[in-house]
Amino acid sequence: MSTDEILSIIKACNESNVEEFNFKTLKLKFHSRRNENAVSLGQGTDQDVKNPQVSDDLTYKAELMDQTAQFEAEEAQLLIDDPMSFEKSQIDRHVERNRDGSQVHRPQ
């Protein structure tokens, strides 16, 4: 059975309010409330839905993680597109981090 055939069976069952469908090894069971368009969060699930309150701290950390991931992706793309510019940016960043002289090794 092809994917298109399975999808058309599911659609027909949904439109006909079928609760259970069995054909050879394919077994489908539909919950009555799932045959309607969901109007509220969690309507299409049997589990209780909780609306967790996300703290500002977690939101801030998620934004930082997104910024870090985006920066790393941009760095990886720069390495592919322009390796010389990538190396220059790495050197510039290293110089900025060590500008105070605390980590610069000087010959004696």
PDB file of N, CA and C in Angstrom:
ATOM      1  N   MET A   1       0.855  -1.169   0.000  1.00  0.00           N
ATOM      2  CA  MET A   1       0.000   0.000   0.000  1.00  0.00           C
ATOM      3  C   MET A   1       0.903   1.235   0.000  1.00  0.00           C
ATOM      4  N   SER A   2       0.592   2.187  -0.845  1.00  0.00           N
ATOM      5  CA  SER A   2       1.412   3.387  -0.961  1.00  0.00           C
ATOM      6  C   SER A   2       1.027   4.417   0.119  1.00  0.00           C
ATOM      7  N   THR A   3       1.889   5.382   0.277  1.00  0.00           N
ATOM      8  CA  THR A   3       1.638   6.456   1.239  1.00  0.00           C
ATOM      9  C   THR A   3       0.391   7.242   0.856  1.00  0.00           C
ATOM     10  N   ASP A   4       0.239   7.522  -0.414  1.00  0.00           N
ATOM     11  CA  ASP A   4      -0.941   8.266  -0.867  1.00  0.00           C
ATOM     12  C   ASP A   4      -2.232   7.513  -0.559  1.00  0.00           C
ATOM     13  N   GLU A   5      -2.201   6.193  -0.727  1.00  0.00           N
ATOM     14  CA  GLU A   5      -3.384   5.390  -0.427  1.00  0.00           C
ATOM     15  C   GLU A   5      -3.711   5.432   1.063  1.00  0.00           C
ATOM     16  N   ILE A   6      -2.687   5.323   1.883  1.00  0.00           N
ATOM     17  CA  ILE A   6      -2.893   5.378   3.340  1.00  0.00           C
ATOM     18  C   ILE A   6      -3.451   6.731   3.746  1.00  0.00           C
ATOM     19  N   LEU A   7      -2.889   7.806   3.176  1.00  0.00           N
ATOM     20  CA  LEU A   7      -3.382   9.146   3.497  1.00  0.00           C
ATOM     21  C   LEU A   7      -4.829   9.334   3.066  1.00  0.00           C
ATOM     22  N   SER A   8      -5.193   8.792   1.919  1.00  0.00           N
ATOM     23  CA  SER A   8      -6.589   8.929   1.475  1.00  0.00           C
ATOM     24  C   SER A   8      -7.531   8.123   2.370  1.00  0.00           C
ATOM     25  N   ILE A   9      -7.072   6.976   2.875  1.00  0.00           N
ATOM     26  CA  ILE A   9      -7.883   6.192   3.818  1.00  0.00           C
ATOM     27  C   ILE A   9      -8.087   6.973   5.107  1.00  0.00           C
ATOM     28  N   ILE A  10      -7.010   7.577   5.620  1.00  0.00           N
ATOM     29  CA  ILE A  10      -7.105   8.358   6.858  1.00  0.00           C
ATOM     30  C   ILE A  10      -8.062   9.529   6.664  1.00  0.00           C
ATOM     31  N   LYS A  11      -7.946  10.212   5.532  1.00  0.00           N
ATOM     32  CA  LYS A  11      -8.831  11.349   5.257  1.00  0.00           C
ATOM     33  C   LYS A  11     -10.285  10.906   5.168  1.00  0.00           C
ATOM     34  N   ALA A  12     -10.529   9.806   4.472  1.00  0.00           N
ATOM     35  CA  ALA A  12     -11.902   9.305   4.339  1.00  0.00           C
ATOM     36  C   ALA A  12     -12.462   8.883   5.689  1.00  0.00           C
ATOM     37  N   CYS A  13     -11.648   8.246   6.510  1.00  0.00           N
ATOM     38  CA  CYS A  13     -12.094   7.847   7.851  1.00  0.00           C
ATOM     39  C   CYS A  13     -12.431   9.079   8.684  1.00  0.00           C
ATOM     40  N   ASN A  14     -11.612  10.106   8.577  1.00  0.00           N
ATOM     41  CA  ASN A  14     -11.837  11.337   9.321  1.00  0.00           C
ATOM     42  C   ASN A  14     -13.141  11.985   8.895  1.00  0.00           C
ATOM     43  N   GLU A  15     -13.380  12.056   7.594  1.00  0.00           N
ATOM     44  CA  GLU A  15     -14.589  12.695   7.077  1.00  0.00           C
ATOM     45  C   GLU A  15     -15.843  11.883   7.394  1.00  0.00           C
ATOM     46  N   SER A  16     -15.695  10.582   7.570  1.00  0.00           N
ATOM     47  CA  SER A  16     -16.846   9.705   7.827  1.00  0.00           C
ATOM     48  C   SER A  16     -17.031   9.383   9.304  1.00  0.00           C
ATOM     49  N   ASN A  17     -16.212   9.988  10.158  1.00  0.00           N
ATOM     50  CA  ASN A  17     -16.271   9.752  11.607  1.00  0.00           C
ATOM     51  C   ASN A  17     -16.089   8.282  11.971  1.00  0.00           C
ATOM     52  N   VAL A  18     -15.222   7.590  11.258  1.00  0.00           N
ATOM     53  CA  VAL A  18     -14.920   6.192  11.551  1.00  0.00           C
ATOM     54  C   VAL A  18     -14.080   6.146  12.821  1.00  0.00           C
ATOM     55  N   GLU A  19     -14.401   5.206  13.713  1.00  0.00           N
ATOM     56  CA  GLU A  19     -13.647   5.084  14.953  1.00  0.00           C
ATOM     57  C   GLU A  19     -12.502   4.092  14.847  1.00  0.00           C
ATOM     58  N   GLU A  20     -12.677   3.056  14.004  1.00  0.00           N
ATOM     59  CA  GLU A  20     -11.639   2.042  13.879  1.00  0.00           C
ATOM     60  C   GLU A  20     -11.618   1.506  12.454  1.00  0.00           C
ATOM     61  N   PHE A  21     -10.411   1.281  11.928  1.00  0.00           N
ATOM     62  CA  PHE A  21     -10.250   0.779  10.566  1.00  0.00           C
ATOM     63  C   PHE A  21      -9.157  -0.292  10.571  1.00  0.00           C
ATOM     64  N   ASN A  22      -9.472  -1.476  10.017  1.00  0.00           N
ATOM     65  CA  ASN A  22      -8.502  -2.567   9.918  1.00  0.00           C
ATOM     66  C   ASN A  22      -8.465  -3.062   8.482  1.00  0.00           C
ATOM     67  N   PHE A  23      -7.273  -3.183   7.941  1.00  0.00           N
ATOM     68  CA  PHE A  23      -7.095  -3.740   6.606  1.00  0.00           C
ATOM     69  C   PHE A  23      -5.741  -4.433   6.576  1.00  0.00           C
ATOM     70  N   LYS A  24      -5.758  -5.744   6.461  1.00  0.00           N
ATOM     71  CA  LYS A  24      -4.536  -6.560   6.498  1.00  0.00           C
ATOM     72  C   LYS A  24      -3.739  -6.191   7.751  1.00  0.00           C
ATOM     73  N   THR A  25      -2.538  -5.678   7.599  1.00  0.00           N
ATOM     74  CA  THR A  25      -1.724  -5.349   8.779  1.00  0.00           C
ATOM     75  C   THR A  25      -1.906  -3.900   9.232  1.00  0.00           C
ATOM     76  N   LEU A  26      -2.675  -3.121   8.493  1.00  0.00           N
ATOM     77  CA  LEU A  26      -2.925  -1.728   8.854  1.00  0.00           C
ATOM     78  C   LEU A  26      -4.105  -1.649   9.806  1.00  0.00           C
ATOM     79  N   LYS A  27      -3.848  -1.105  11.005  1.00  0.00           N
ATOM     80  CA  LYS A  27      -4.900  -0.940  12.004  1.00  0.00           C
ATOM     81  C   LYS A  27      -4.889   0.513  12.463  1.00  0.00           C
ATOM     82  N   LEU A  28      -6.000   1.185  12.284  1.00  0.00           N
ATOM     83  CA  LEU A  28      -6.134   2.575  12.683  1.00  0.00           C
ATOM     84  C   LEU A  28      -7.272   2.707  13.676  1.00  0.00           C
ATOM     85  N   LYS A  29      -7.036   3.482  14.731  1.00  0.00           N
ATOM     86  CA  LYS A  29      -8.073   3.751  15.709  1.00  0.00           C
ATOM     87  C   LYS A  29      -8.151   5.257  15.887  1.00  0.00           C
ATOM     88  N   PHE A  30      -9.348   5.793  15.712  1.00  0.00           N
ATOM     89  CA  PHE A  30      -9.565   7.233  15.798  1.00  0.00           C
ATOM     90  C   PHE A  30     -10.378   7.539  17.045  1.00  0.00           C
ATOM     91  N   HIS A  31      -9.967   8.549  17.767  1.00  0.00           N
ATOM     92  CA  HIS A  31     -10.752   9.034  18.903  1.00  0.00           C
ATOM     93  C   HIS A  31     -11.742  10.045  18.362  1.00  0.00           C
ATOM     94  N   SER A  32     -12.934  10.029  18.876  1.00  0.00           N
ATOM     95  CA  SER A  32     -13.989  10.883  18.326  1.00  0.00           C
ATOM     96  C   SER A  32     -13.607  12.358  18.364  1.00  0.00           C
ATOM     97  N   ARG A  33     -12.982  12.822  19.413  1.00  0.00           N
ATOM     98  CA  ARG A  33     -12.652  14.239  19.477  1.00  0.00           C
ATOM     99  C   ARG A  33     -11.527  14.609  18.527  1.00  0.00           C
ATOM    100  N   ARG A  34     -10.780  13.643  18.042  1.00  0.00           N
ATOM    101  CA  ARG A  34      -9.718  13.926  17.084  1.00  0.00           C
ATOM    102  C   ARG A  34     -10.263  14.123  15.677  1.00  0.00           C
ATOM    103  N   ASN A  35     -11.514  13.757  15.464  1.00  0.00           N
ATOM    104  CA  ASN A  35     -12.111  13.939  14.144  1.00  0.00           C
ATOM    105  C   ASN A  35     -12.617  15.354  13.942  1.00  0.00           C
ATOM    106  N   GLU A  36     -12.457  16.209  14.939  1.00  0.00           N
ATOM    107  CA  GLU A  36     -12.865  17.599  14.841  1.00  0.00           C
ATOM    108  C   GLU A  36     -11.621  18.458  14.792  1.00  0.00           C
ATOM    109  N   ASN A  37     -11.758  19.654  14.276  1.00  0.00           N
ATOM    110  CA  ASN A  37     -10.644  20.580  14.277  1.00  0.00           C
ATOM    111  C   ASN A  37     -10.373  21.026  15.707  1.00  0.00           C
ATOM    112  N   ALA A  38      -9.127  21.026  16.081  1.00  0.00           N
ATOM    113  CA  ALA A  38      -8.755  21.437  17.436  1.00  0.00           C
ATOM    114  C   ALA A  38      -8.998  22.930  17.598  1.00  0.00           C
ATOM    115  N   VAL A  39      -9.686  23.280  18.677  1.00  0.00           N
ATOM    116  CA  VAL A  39      -9.933  24.692  18.956  1.00  0.00           C
ATOM    117  C   VAL A  39      -9.144  25.165  20.168  1.00  0.00           C
ATOM    118  N   SER A  40      -8.577  24.232  20.903  1.00  0.00           N
ATOM    119  CA  SER A  40      -7.771  24.624  22.046  1.00  0.00           C
ATOM    120  C   SER A  40      -6.548  23.725  22.144  1.00  0.00           C
ATOM    121  N   LEU A  41      -5.539  24.207  22.815  1.00  0.00           N
ATOM    122  CA  LEU A  41      -4.300  23.474  22.979  1.00  0.00           C
ATOM    123  C   LEU A  41      -4.553  22.146  23.675  1.00  0.00           C
ATOM    124  N   GLY A  42      -4.088  21.062  23.093  1.00  0.00           N
ATOM    125  CA  GLY A  42      -4.203  19.753  23.716  1.00  0.00           C
ATOM    126  C   GLY A  42      -5.484  19.021  23.409  1.00  0.00           C
ATOM    127  N   GLN A  43      -6.337  19.572  22.578  1.00  0.00           N
ATOM    128  CA  GLN A  43      -7.608  18.923  22.290  1.00  0.00           C
ATOM    129  C   GLN A  43      -7.408  17.594  21.572  1.00  0.00           C
ATOM    130  N   GLY A  44      -6.353  17.466  20.793  1.00  0.00           N
ATOM    131  CA  GLY A  44      -6.121  16.248  20.034  1.00  0.00           C
ATOM    132  C   GLY A  44      -5.283  15.233  20.762  1.00  0.00           C
ATOM    133  N   THR A  45      -5.204  15.304  22.081  1.00  0.00           N
ATOM    134  CA  THR A  45      -4.384  14.372  22.843  1.00  0.00           C
ATOM    135  C   THR A  45      -5.147  13.863  24.053  1.00  0.00           C
ATOM    136  N   ASP A  46      -4.764  12.701  24.519  1.00  0.00           N
ATOM    137  CA  ASP A  46      -5.374  12.143  25.726  1.00  0.00           C
ATOM    138  C   ASP A  46      -4.685  12.642  26.998  1.00  0.00           C
ATOM    139  N   GLN A  47      -3.548  13.271  26.846  1.00  0.00           N
ATOM    140  CA  GLN A  47      -2.774  13.705  28.005  1.00  0.00           C
ATOM    141  C   GLN A  47      -3.254  15.067  28.479  1.00  0.00           C
ATOM    142  N   ASP A  48      -3.097  15.295  29.771  1.00  0.00           N
ATOM    143  CA  ASP A  48      -3.421  16.605  30.311  1.00  0.00           C
ATOM    144  C   ASP A  48      -2.386  17.602  29.829  1.00  0.00           C
ATOM    145  N   VAL A  49      -2.857  18.757  29.428  1.00  0.00           N
ATOM    146  CA  VAL A  49      -1.955  19.795  28.948  1.00  0.00           C
ATOM    147  C   VAL A  49      -1.786  20.819  30.046  1.00  0.00           C
ATOM    148  N   LYS A  50      -0.551  21.103  30.342  1.00  0.00           N
ATOM    149  CA  LYS A  50      -0.244  22.118  31.341  1.00  0.00           C
ATOM    150  C   LYS A  50       0.383  23.290  30.609  1.00  0.00           C
ATOM    151  N   ASN A  51       0.083  24.463  31.014  1.00  0.00           N
ATOM    152  CA  ASN A  51       0.679  25.657  30.432  1.00  0.00           C
ATOM    153  C   ASN A  51       1.799  26.119  31.351  1.00  0.00           C
ATOM    154  N   PRO A  52       2.997  25.625  31.109  1.00  0.00           N
ATOM    155  CA  PRO A  52       4.101  25.995  31.991  1.00  0.00           C
ATOM    156  C   PRO A  52       4.473  27.460  31.821  1.00  0.00           C
ATOM    157  N   GLN A  53       4.787  28.081  32.912  1.00  0.00           N
ATOM    158  CA  GLN A  53       5.257  29.450  32.882  1.00  0.00           C
ATOM    159  C   GLN A  53       6.782  29.412  32.750  1.00  0.00           C
ATOM    160  N   VAL A  54       7.285  29.995  31.701  1.00  0.00           N
ATOM    161  CA  VAL A  54       8.718  30.004  31.462  1.00  0.00           C
ATOM    162  C   VAL A  54       9.300  31.242  32.122  1.00  0.00           C
ATOM    163  N   SER A  55      10.314  31.026  32.942  1.00  0.00           N
ATOM    164  CA  SER A  55      10.898  32.150  33.653  1.00  0.00           C
ATOM    165  C   SER A  55      11.708  33.022  32.698  1.00  0.00           C
ATOM    166  N   ASP A  56      11.888  34.268  33.088  1.00  0.00           N
ATOM    167  CA  ASP A  56      12.688  35.185  32.276  1.00  0.00           C
ATOM    168  C   ASP A  56      14.114  34.683  32.146  1.00  0.00           C
ATOM    169  N   ASP A  57      14.622  34.042  33.206  1.00  0.00           N
ATOM    170  CA  ASP A  57      15.988  33.516  33.178  1.00  0.00           C
ATOM    171  C   ASP A  57      16.133  32.426  32.121  1.00  0.00           C
ATOM    172  N   LEU A  58      15.142  31.517  32.047  1.00  0.00           N
ATOM    173  CA  LEU A  58      15.195  30.460  31.037  1.00  0.00           C
ATOM    174  C   LEU A  58      15.050  31.031  29.630  1.00  0.00           C
ATOM    175  N   THR A  59      14.207  32.038  29.491  1.00  0.00           N
ATOM    176  CA  THR A  59      14.047  32.686  28.190  1.00  0.00           C
ATOM    177  C   THR A  59      15.352  33.324  27.757  1.00  0.00           C
ATOM    178  N   TYR A  60      16.005  34.006  28.697  1.00  0.00           N
ATOM    179  CA  TYR A  60      17.289  34.655  28.412  1.00  0.00           C
ATOM    180  C   TYR A  60      18.340  33.619  28.014  1.00  0.00           C
ATOM    181  N   LYS A  61      18.397  32.493  28.745  1.00  0.00           N
ATOM    182  CA  LYS A  61      19.364  31.444  28.425  1.00  0.00           C
ATOM    183  C   LYS A  61      19.086  30.840  27.052  1.00  0.00           C
ATOM    184  N   ALA A  62      17.814  30.664  26.711  1.00  0.00           N
ATOM    185  CA  ALA A  62      17.464  30.124  25.395  1.00  0.00           C
ATOM    186  C   ALA A  62      17.880  31.077  24.285  1.00  0.00           C
ATOM    187  N   GLU A  63      17.690  32.379  24.517  1.00  0.00           N
ATOM    188  CA  GLU A  63      18.101  33.364  23.521  1.00  0.00           C
ATOM    189  C   GLU A  63      19.617  33.351  23.346  1.00  0.00           C
ATOM    190  N   LEU A  64      20.352  33.222  24.452  1.00  0.00           N
ATOM    191  CA  LEU A  64      21.812  33.148  24.365  1.00  0.00           C
ATOM    192  C   LEU A  64      22.253  31.904  23.601  1.00  0.00           C
ATOM    193  N   MET A  65      21.566  30.781  23.860  1.00  0.00           N
ATOM    194  CA  MET A  65      21.904  29.550  23.149  1.00  0.00           C
ATOM    195  C   MET A  65      21.637  29.711  21.661  1.00  0.00           C
ATOM    196  N   ASP A  66      20.534  30.377  21.311  1.00  0.00           N
ATOM    197  CA  ASP A  66      20.222  30.621  19.907  1.00  0.00           C
ATOM    198  C   ASP A  66      21.280  31.508  19.257  1.00  0.00           C
ATOM    199  N   GLN A  67      21.706  32.551  19.975  1.00  0.00           N
ATOM    200  CA  GLN A  67      22.729  33.447  19.451  1.00  0.00           C
ATOM    201  C   GLN A  67      24.042  32.706  19.263  1.00  0.00           C
ATOM    202  N   THR A  68      24.387  31.848  20.235  1.00  0.00           N
ATOM    203  CA  THR A  68      25.621  31.077  20.145  1.00  0.00           C
ATOM    204  C   THR A  68      25.569  30.116  18.966  1.00  0.00           C
ATOM    205  N   ALA A  69      24.451  29.429  18.807  1.00  0.00           N
ATOM    206  CA  ALA A  69      24.305  28.489  17.688  1.00  0.00           C
ATOM    207  C   ALA A  69      24.375  29.223  16.352  1.00  0.00           C
ATOM    208  N   GLN A  70      23.758  30.392  16.268  1.00  0.00           N
ATOM    209  CA  GLN A  70      23.795  31.162  15.023  1.00  0.00           C
ATOM    210  C   GLN A  70      25.220  31.631  14.739  1.00  0.00           C
ATOM    211  N   PHE A  71      25.921  32.098  15.768  1.00  0.00           N
ATOM    212  CA  PHE A  71      27.306  32.540  15.598  1.00  0.00           C
ATOM    213  C   PHE A  71      28.176  31.385  15.109  1.00  0.00           C
ATOM    214  N   GLU A  72      28.016  30.210  15.704  1.00  0.00           N
ATOM    215  CA  GLU A  72      28.804  29.046  15.294  1.00  0.00           C
ATOM    216  C   GLU A  72      28.487  28.642  13.861  1.00  0.00           C
ATOM    217  N   ALA A  73      27.221  28.728  13.466  1.00  0.00           N
ATOM    218  CA  ALA A  73      26.842  28.394  12.086  1.00  0.00           C
ATOM    219  C   ALA A  73      27.459  29.389  11.101  1.00  0.00           C
ATOM    220  N   GLU A  74      27.448  30.677  11.479  1.00  0.00           N
ATOM    221  CA  GLU A  74      28.052  31.691  10.618  1.00  0.00           C
ATOM    222  C   GLU A  74      29.551  31.479  10.494  1.00  0.00           C
ATOM    223  N   GLU A  75      30.198  31.120  11.604  1.00  0.00           N
ATOM    224  CA  GLU A  75      31.639  30.837  11.579  1.00  0.00           C
ATOM    225  C   GLU A  75      31.941  29.656  10.669  1.00  0.00           C
ATOM    226  N   ALA A  76      31.144  28.603  10.775  1.00  0.00           N
ATOM    227  CA  ALA A  76      31.354  27.413   9.945  1.00  0.00           C
ATOM    228  C   ALA A  76      31.176  27.757   8.465  1.00  0.00           C
ATOM    229  N   GLN A  77      30.171  28.587   8.162  1.00  0.00           N
ATOM    230  CA  GLN A  77      29.950  28.981   6.766  1.00  0.00           C
ATOM    231  C   GLN A  77      31.093  29.850   6.270  1.00  0.00           C
ATOM    232  N   LEU A  78      31.597  30.751   7.118  1.00  0.00           N
ATOM    233  CA  LEU A  78      32.722  31.591   6.739  1.00  0.00           C
ATOM    234  C   LEU A  78      33.962  30.745   6.459  1.00  0.00           C
ATOM    235  N   LEU A  79      34.178  29.724   7.267  1.00  0.00           N
ATOM    236  CA  LEU A  79      35.315  28.823   7.056  1.00  0.00           C
ATOM    237  C   LEU A  79      35.225  28.160   5.682  1.00  0.00           C
ATOM    238  N   ILE A  80      34.017  27.815   5.264  1.00  0.00           N
ATOM    239  CA  ILE A  80      33.821  27.188   3.955  1.00  0.00           C
ATOM    240  C   ILE A  80      33.971  28.210   2.831  1.00  0.00           C
ATOM    241  N   ASP A  81      33.305  29.367   2.992  1.00  0.00           N
ATOM    242  CA  ASP A  81      33.265  30.368   1.929  1.00  0.00           C
ATOM    243  C   ASP A  81      34.571  31.140   1.773  1.00  0.00           C
ATOM    244  N   ASP A  82      35.193  31.492   2.897  1.00  0.00           N
ATOM    245  CA  ASP A  82      36.382  32.349   2.851  1.00  0.00           C
ATOM    246  C   ASP A  82      37.316  31.994   4.006  1.00  0.00           C
ATOM    247  N   PRO A  83      38.133  30.954   3.839  1.00  0.00           N
ATOM    248  CA  PRO A  83      39.007  30.498   4.925  1.00  0.00           C
ATOM    249  C   PRO A  83      39.958  31.572   5.443  1.00  0.00           C
ATOM    250  N   MET A  84      40.432  32.454   4.562  1.00  0.00           N
ATOM    251  CA  MET A  84      41.356  33.505   5.017  1.00  0.00           C
ATOM    252  C   MET A  84      40.652  34.488   5.962  1.00  0.00           C
ATOM    253  N   SER A  85      39.436  34.873   5.633  1.00  0.00           N
ATOM    254  CA  SER A  85      38.686  35.768   6.520  1.00  0.00           C
ATOM    255  C   SER A  85      38.369  35.079   7.842  1.00  0.00           C
ATOM    256  N   PHE A  86      38.074  33.786   7.775  1.00  0.00           N
ATOM    257  CA  PHE A  86      37.825  33.035   9.006  1.00  0.00           C
ATOM    258  C   PHE A  86      39.051  33.074   9.908  1.00  0.00           C
ATOM    259  N   GLU A  87      40.221  32.786   9.344  1.00  0.00           N
ATOM    260  CA  GLU A  87      41.465  32.809  10.138  1.00  0.00           C
ATOM    261  C   GLU A  87      41.719  34.199  10.702  1.00  0.00           C
ATOM    262  N   LYS A  88      41.478  35.240   9.900  1.00  0.00           N
ATOM    263  CA  LYS A  88      41.680  36.608  10.380  1.00  0.00           C
ATOM    264  C   LYS A  88      40.754  36.912  11.543  1.00  0.00           C
ATOM    265  N   SER A  89      39.494  36.480  11.445  1.00  0.00           N
ATOM    266  CA  SER A  89      38.555  36.730  12.544  1.00  0.00           C
ATOM    267  C   SER A  89      38.975  35.991  13.810  1.00  0.00           C
ATOM    268  N   GLN A  90      39.523  34.790  13.651  1.00  0.00           N
ATOM    269  CA  GLN A  90      40.011  34.034  14.809  1.00  0.00           C
ATOM    270  C   GLN A  90      41.184  34.763  15.470  1.00  0.00           C
ATOM    271  N   ILE A  91      42.107  35.257  14.664  1.00  0.00           N
ATOM    272  CA  ILE A  91      43.263  35.988  15.190  1.00  0.00           C
ATOM    273  C   ILE A  91      42.805  37.266  15.867  1.00  0.00           C
ATOM    274  N   ASP A  92      41.908  38.018  15.225  1.00  0.00           N
ATOM    275  CA  ASP A  92      41.405  39.262  15.820  1.00  0.00           C
ATOM    276  C   ASP A  92      40.728  38.992  17.157  1.00  0.00           C
ATOM    277  N   ARG A  93      39.934  37.941  17.232  1.00  0.00           N
ATOM    278  CA  ARG A  93      39.249  37.602  18.476  1.00  0.00           C
ATOM    279  C   ARG A  93      40.257  37.228  19.563  1.00  0.00           C
ATOM    280  N   HIS A  94      41.297  36.491  19.181  1.00  0.00           N
ATOM    281  CA  HIS A  94      42.335  36.098  20.138  1.00  0.00           C
ATOM    282  C   HIS A  94      43.066  37.336  20.662  1.00  0.00           C
ATOM    283  N   VAL A  95      43.366  38.277  19.775  1.00  0.00           N
ATOM    284  CA  VAL A  95      44.050  39.508  20.174  1.00  0.00           C
ATOM    285  C   VAL A  95      43.174  40.310  21.132  1.00  0.00           C
ATOM    286  N   GLU A  96      41.874  40.422  20.827  1.00  0.00           N
ATOM    287  CA  GLU A  96      40.963  41.167  21.698  1.00  0.00           C
ATOM    288  C   GLU A  96      40.865  40.538  23.084  1.00  0.00           C
ATOM    289  N   ARG A  97      40.802  39.215  23.143  1.00  0.00           N
ATOM    290  CA  ARG A  97      40.706  38.543  24.441  1.00  0.00           C
ATOM    291  C   ARG A  97      41.963  38.759  25.277  1.00  0.00           C
ATOM    292  N   ASN A  98      43.095  38.872  24.615  1.00  0.00           N
ATOM    293  CA  ASN A  98      44.370  38.966  25.334  1.00  0.00           C
ATOM    294  C   ASN A  98      44.939  40.376  25.336  1.00  0.00           C
ATOM    295  N   ARG A  99      44.123  41.354  25.016  1.00  0.00           N
ATOM    296  CA  ARG A  99      44.589  42.743  24.925  1.00  0.00           C
ATOM    297  C   ARG A  99      45.152  43.253  26.254  1.00  0.00           C
ATOM    298  N   ASP A 100      44.624  42.777  27.367  1.00  0.00           N
ATOM    299  CA  ASP A 100      45.092  43.258  28.661  1.00  0.00           C
ATOM    300  C   ASP A 100      46.498  42.752  28.992  1.00  0.00           C
ATOM    301  N   GLY A 101      46.996  41.786  28.240  1.00  0.00           N
ATOM    302  CA  GLY A 101      48.358  41.299  28.422  1.00  0.00           C
ATOM    303  C   GLY A 101      48.512  40.191  29.436  1.00  0.00           C
ATOM    304  N   SER A 102      47.405  39.781  30.036  1.00  0.00           N
ATOM    305  CA  SER A 102      47.497  38.767  31.077  1.00  0.00           C
ATOM    306  C   SER A 102      47.843  37.395  30.549  1.00  0.00           C
ATOM    307  N   GLN A 103      47.507  37.109  29.312  1.00  0.00           N
ATOM    308  CA  GLN A 103      47.764  35.764  28.793  1.00  0.00           C
ATOM    309  C   GLN A 103      48.818  35.769  27.683  1.00  0.00           C
ATOM    310  N   VAL A 104      49.457  36.906  27.456  1.00  0.00           N
ATOM    311  CA  VAL A 104      50.468  36.961  26.424  1.00  0.00           C
ATOM    312  C   VAL A 104      51.779  36.446  26.989  1.00  0.00           C
ATOM    313  N   HIS A 105      52.372  35.491  26.312  1.00  0.00           N
ATOM    314  CA  HIS A 105      53.655  34.930  26.754  1.00  0.00           C
ATOM    315  C   HIS A 105      54.771  35.732  26.112  1.00  0.00           C
ATOM    316  N   ARG A 106      55.640  36.290  26.958  1.00  0.00           N
ATOM    317  CA  ARG A 106      56.759  37.095  26.443  1.00  0.00           C
ATOM    318  C   ARG A 106      58.060  36.353  26.700  1.00  0.00           C
ATOM    319  N   PRO A 107      58.944  36.350  25.720  1.00  0.00           N
ATOM    320  CA  PRO A 107      60.226  35.669  25.927  1.00  0.00           C
ATOM    321  C   PRO A 107      61.051  36.398  26.980  1.00  0.00           C
ATOM    322  N   GLN A 108      61.835  35.648  27.732  1.00  0.00           N
ATOM    323  CA  GLN A 108      62.641  36.271  28.803  1.00  0.00           C
ATOM    324  C   GLN A 108      64.069  36.432  28.395  1.00  0.00           C
TER     325      GLN A 108
END
